[in-house]
Protein backbone atom coordinates (compact mmCIF):
# COMPACT_ATOMS: atom_id res chain seq x y z
CA MET A 1 31.58 36.37 -53.24
CA ALA A 2 32.19 33.58 -50.84
CA ILE A 3 34.21 36.33 -48.81
CA MET A 4 31.52 38.83 -48.92
CA ALA A 5 29.24 36.52 -47.82
CA ALA A 6 31.47 35.65 -45.07
CA ILE A 7 32.15 38.94 -44.17
CA CYS A 8 28.23 39.83 -44.15
CA VAL A 9 26.92 36.92 -42.01
CA LEU A 10 30.14 37.55 -39.45
CA SER A 11 28.74 41.25 -39.49
CA ARG A 12 25.49 40.06 -38.80
CA PHE A 13 26.81 38.02 -36.00
CA ALA A 14 28.86 41.00 -34.46
CA TYR A 15 26.83 43.50 -34.73
CA LYS A 16 23.74 41.15 -32.60
CA VAL A 17 26.33 40.15 -30.18
CA PHE A 18 28.45 42.99 -29.44
CA PHE A 19 26.49 45.87 -29.98
CA ALA A 20 23.41 45.56 -30.33
CA GLY A 21 22.69 42.92 -27.52
CA LEU A 22 20.32 40.86 -29.52
CA ASP A 23 19.91 37.12 -29.25
CA VAL A 24 21.19 34.89 -31.68
CA GLY A 25 18.44 32.61 -32.92
CA TRP A 26 18.18 29.45 -34.94
CA ASP A 27 17.98 31.65 -38.24
CA ASP A 28 20.94 33.15 -37.33
CA TRP A 29 22.76 29.65 -36.86
CA PHE A 30 21.11 28.79 -39.87
CA VAL A 31 22.71 30.56 -41.68
CA MET A 32 25.84 30.31 -40.18
CA ALA A 33 25.54 26.71 -41.28
CA THR A 34 25.16 27.83 -44.75
CA LEU A 35 27.93 29.37 -45.07
CA ILE A 36 29.76 26.64 -43.53
CA ALA A 37 28.99 24.30 -45.88
CA ALA A 38 29.84 27.08 -48.91
CA MET A 39 32.99 27.32 -48.14
CA PRO A 40 34.04 23.81 -49.43
CA SER A 41 32.58 24.65 -52.44
CA ALA A 42 34.44 27.89 -52.69
CA VAL A 43 37.51 26.54 -52.12
CA ILE A 44 36.97 23.27 -54.83
CA THR A 45 35.97 25.39 -57.36
CA VAL A 46 39.21 27.59 -57.26
CA HIS A 47 41.52 24.94 -56.65
CA GLY A 48 39.62 21.73 -57.87
CA THR A 49 37.68 21.98 -61.07
CA THR A 50 38.88 24.84 -62.28
CA ALA A 51 42.64 23.95 -61.32
CA ASN A 52 42.07 20.67 -63.11
CA GLY A 53 41.10 22.41 -66.14
CA LEU A 54 37.09 23.39 -66.19
CA GLY A 55 35.93 24.77 -68.88
CA LYS A 56 38.97 23.50 -71.40
CA ASP A 57 38.30 21.46 -73.94
CA ILE A 58 38.16 17.83 -72.90
CA TRP A 59 40.68 16.98 -75.45
CA THR A 60 43.56 18.95 -73.79
CA LEU A 61 42.93 17.61 -70.43
CA GLU A 62 44.95 14.44 -68.82
CA PRO A 63 43.12 11.62 -67.70
CA GLN A 64 43.76 12.08 -64.39
CA GLN A 65 42.43 15.72 -64.45
CA ILE A 66 38.92 14.58 -66.48
CA THR A 67 38.75 11.81 -62.99
CA ASN A 68 39.89 15.19 -60.89
CA VAL A 69 36.82 17.17 -62.30
CA LEU A 70 34.59 14.73 -61.95
CA PHE A 71 35.36 13.86 -58.35
CA TYR A 72 35.08 17.35 -57.09
CA PHE A 73 31.92 17.60 -59.25
CA TYR A 74 30.38 14.58 -56.93
CA ILE A 75 31.50 16.66 -53.81
CA MET A 76 29.79 19.90 -54.98
CA ALA A 77 26.63 17.91 -55.84
CA TRP A 78 25.37 16.67 -52.36
CA LEU A 79 26.95 20.37 -50.98
CA TYR A 80 24.61 21.98 -53.28
CA PHE A 81 21.63 20.12 -51.78
CA LEU A 82 22.84 20.36 -48.36
CA GLN A 83 23.29 24.43 -48.87
CA VAL A 84 19.68 24.60 -50.24
CA THR A 85 18.49 23.00 -47.34
CA LEU A 86 19.80 25.32 -44.73
CA VAL A 87 19.32 28.37 -46.62
CA LYS A 88 15.60 27.49 -46.55
CA LEU A 89 15.47 26.47 -43.14
CA ALA A 90 16.96 29.88 -42.16
CA ILE A 91 13.97 31.62 -43.78
CA ILE A 92 11.67 29.83 -42.28
CA PHE A 93 13.09 29.93 -38.56
CA PHE A 94 13.34 33.76 -39.47
CA TYR A 95 9.57 34.05 -40.07
CA MET A 96 8.88 31.91 -36.79
CA ARG A 97 10.47 35.13 -35.47
CA ILE A 98 8.11 37.67 -37.10
CA PHE A 99 5.38 35.64 -37.13
CA PRO A 100 4.64 34.17 -33.76
CA ALA A 101 0.80 33.57 -34.70
CA ARG A 102 -0.36 29.57 -33.45
CA GLU A 103 -1.72 29.03 -36.89
CA VAL A 104 1.16 30.25 -38.67
CA GLN A 105 3.89 28.47 -36.79
CA ARG A 106 2.01 25.24 -36.90
CA VAL A 107 2.64 25.77 -40.80
CA LEU A 108 6.29 27.11 -40.63
CA TRP A 109 6.97 23.63 -38.49
CA ALA A 110 4.92 21.50 -40.90
CA THR A 111 7.29 23.07 -43.64
CA THR A 112 10.30 22.96 -41.52
CA ILE A 113 9.87 18.92 -41.06
CA PHE A 114 8.88 18.44 -45.11
CA ILE A 115 12.07 20.89 -45.94
CA ILE A 116 14.15 18.44 -43.45
CA VAL A 117 13.17 14.92 -44.77
CA TRP A 118 13.24 17.06 -48.69
CA GLY A 119 16.86 17.85 -48.10
CA SER A 120 18.36 14.91 -46.29
CA ALA A 121 16.99 12.54 -48.95
CA PHE A 122 18.45 14.20 -51.80
CA VAL A 123 21.96 15.14 -50.00
CA ILE A 124 21.49 10.81 -49.65
CA THR A 125 20.68 10.23 -53.03
CA ALA A 126 23.57 12.40 -54.07
CA ILE A 127 25.76 10.79 -52.21
CA PHE A 128 25.08 7.32 -53.18
CA GLN A 129 23.94 8.10 -56.46
CA CYS A 130 25.91 5.32 -58.19
CA LYS A 131 27.17 1.95 -57.10
CA PRO A 132 29.90 1.86 -56.48
CA ILE A 133 30.23 5.31 -54.98
CA HIS A 134 33.66 5.60 -57.08
CA TYR A 135 31.89 5.27 -60.12
CA PHE A 136 30.40 8.80 -60.58
CA TRP A 137 34.15 9.95 -61.10
CA THR A 138 35.93 6.72 -63.04
CA LYS A 139 32.35 5.57 -65.33
CA TRP A 140 34.21 7.83 -68.07
CA ASP A 141 36.81 6.07 -69.22
CA GLY A 142 34.73 2.52 -69.83
CA LEU A 143 37.45 1.07 -67.64
CA HIS A 144 34.75 0.38 -64.66
CA GLU A 145 31.60 -1.23 -64.04
CA GLY A 146 29.00 -0.05 -61.78
CA SER A 147 25.81 1.75 -62.13
CA CYS A 148 24.33 5.15 -61.86
CA ALA A 149 20.68 6.79 -60.91
CA ASP A 150 19.50 8.84 -63.70
CA ALA A 151 21.43 12.34 -63.02
CA ASN A 152 18.66 14.37 -64.65
CA ALA A 153 15.85 12.70 -63.19
CA VAL A 154 17.38 13.79 -59.91
CA SER A 155 18.33 17.79 -60.69
CA TRP A 156 15.09 17.91 -62.35
CA SER A 157 13.12 17.00 -59.07
CA ASN A 158 14.79 18.45 -56.64
CA ALA A 159 14.79 21.91 -58.42
CA SER A 160 10.70 21.52 -58.88
CA ILE A 161 10.07 20.99 -55.44
CA SER A 162 12.48 23.27 -54.52
CA ILE A 163 10.58 26.14 -56.53
CA ALA A 164 7.36 25.05 -54.97
CA LEU A 165 8.98 24.86 -51.59
CA ASP A 166 10.14 29.04 -52.41
CA LEU A 167 6.68 29.92 -53.57
CA TRP A 168 5.13 28.51 -50.81
CA MET A 169 7.46 29.94 -48.52
CA LEU A 170 6.68 33.17 -50.28
CA ALA A 171 2.99 32.84 -50.06
CA ILE A 172 3.44 32.52 -46.04
CA PRO A 173 4.59 36.38 -45.17
CA LEU A 174 1.92 37.68 -47.92
CA TRP A 175 -0.87 35.62 -45.92
CA GLN A 176 0.12 37.46 -42.82
CA LEU A 177 0.15 40.66 -44.62
CA ARG A 178 -3.40 41.04 -45.88
CA ALA A 179 -4.36 41.19 -42.19
CA LEU A 180 -2.09 43.84 -41.17
CA LYS A 181 -3.70 47.38 -40.53
CA LEU A 182 -1.26 49.19 -43.33
CA HIS A 183 -2.96 51.56 -46.35
CA TRP A 184 -2.69 49.08 -49.68
CA LYS A 185 0.61 51.51 -50.69
CA LYS A 186 2.50 50.06 -47.68
CA LYS A 187 1.36 46.48 -47.98
CA VAL A 188 2.72 46.50 -51.89
CA GLY A 189 6.41 47.94 -50.24
CA VAL A 190 5.96 44.96 -47.99
CA ALA A 191 5.25 42.26 -50.37
CA LEU A 192 7.79 43.07 -53.01
CA MET A 193 10.19 43.17 -50.23
CA PHE A 194 9.76 39.60 -49.67
CA ILE A 195 9.43 38.99 -53.28
CA VAL A 196 12.96 40.14 -54.12
CA GLY A 197 14.23 38.63 -51.04
CA THR A 198 13.11 35.34 -52.55
CA LEU A 199 14.03 35.72 -55.71
């Protein structure tokens, strides 16, 4: 999947720059940033978590393997929050290009600020969720002292806000679609396109 994503993103850049002569926008750069942030996750999945026994019975693993898997999970947790933030920003900046109306631009900039604050907060929370930090991947053995934030609370709160943001970001183009002078069938088609894209 990571290779396919890289091919699609690089093809998009190549087409815009070398064939169509189009400007590379902020949405393109955020798509590229998302891809760059996703590459470590792909490598870690193959050579980190899977290589150290992810999916196997924990009783068949060496102690160091368990520590390694948890260490890689720690890295992937904040990388995930970063990737979700970047992809949402890519979508918002795409909207900025296709919806030039001033009132929509204001809504989009306000949404951008919220996404940046929200994403930064969860990336920082994921990085410093345990005190000391290494307690995240060493607490399992009971030989180390420390404390961690409630992982379930962090995950559920992030997911809830993320879903709400997705619905909000879907509502923005649908709100603009209402004002377009199109036959209702075409409006339905465009609306379905945005809905599928959001999913």
